[in-house]
Amino acid sequence: MGNNSNVEEIEVKNISVEDFAELDFSKVTLLDLREADEVLVAGIEGAINIPFSQISKKLSDVPMDLPVYVYCRTGDWSEEVAEILLERGYEVYNVAGGFKAYKEYIANRKPIEIDAKGLKCPGPIVKVADTIRNLADGQKVFVEATEDAFASDIAVWCQRTGNYLEKLEVKPDVIQATIEKRTKQSENVTALPDGKTFVVFSGDLDKTIAAFIMANGAAAMGREVTIFFTFWGLNILRKPNKIKTNKTFIEKIFGIMMPRGTKKLGLSRMNMGGAGAKMIRAVMKSKGVSSLEELIQNAIDHGVRLVACQMSMEIMGIKKEELIDGVELGGVATFLGSGEQSNMSLFI
């Protein structure tokens, strides 16, 4: 009588493309067995690519610390590789149907709807970017906006980020766009430095609003953004409340004469003793435009780098303790280093 009944068979677990699409890919290891040229055309961001023909030599490159999800073009080769990994102690799953089935499922999935109606620049683009950032390649979003500039903005945004603008309709009362996420389509994305650097020299409210609108827009396009504040621009970064610091007499006088924080900034034209600034803020609120304070916080939340010129701080008598959270100190080398990684630098 044989002993086969005592031998436990190793069976690979399969996962459907529907369940696979719901995974948080940042918490698992993805192993793509397709050829490199196939992955370049369409793939999943963050996946390890080891072509099936090379797997015997590079199997040790697959980490064991996270569950491994294996896929090939149609699911045949991946099942074999999954069995080998299972025998070696991996927690492993085979994606049934492979990448072809996954891509078809994603393409036919109902688009995620984004309501950007009533939002003002850069609100619609930021909302699209925040939504599409966490989606899988091939997944679509359907967005509606009412700001006329959105028609131009979304077309440029898609071109510069590599996402695909499938459909754009400009109707009398709404602009509708359908966008497919593509992170592997790089033919329209420049390989040159594409960061943005802004030097904010002015402490005027209107100029500061313009700077942060552009900064938020650039961040929504996935660009590295640095805003370098110097001289009068440093007042934008001051906390609104008085901070106790050791200052010389001249530094104290400077501190009294300069505006403390964004709420005290005046307009470059028609300020009218501060009345103009209040009017502009009221109009912004009535039109649904984010306040300067909201724009600044949004920029920080999206990784915009705020740098205060330390030399200017010393001249103006501004101490580090007086600056809002999220600001770093830097000098001319910091600015030049950022500028060299940018294809656009603006002096405001």
Foldseek 3Di string as FASTA:
>chain_A
DDPVVVDDDDDAAADELVVVQPDQPVQAAEEEQEDPVVVLVPHWPPHHYDHLVRCVVCVVVGDQPHEYEYFYQQQDSRRVVQSVVVVVPHNYYYHHGGPNNNLVCQLPDDAAEAEAELADAPRVLLSVLVVLVRHTANHKHKYKYQDPCVQVLVVVLCLALVKDFPDWDDDPGIIITMIGDDNSRCPSHDPAQAAEEEEEAAQALVVLLVVLSVLSSCLSSVHAAEYEYFALSVQQFFDQDDDDDDFDPVLVVLVVPHHHHNQRHAHPPPRVVVPVVVVVQVVCVVSNHDHSVVSVVSSLVSNHAYEYEVVRCVVSNHDPVRGDPRYYYDHPVVRVVSVNSHPYYYYD
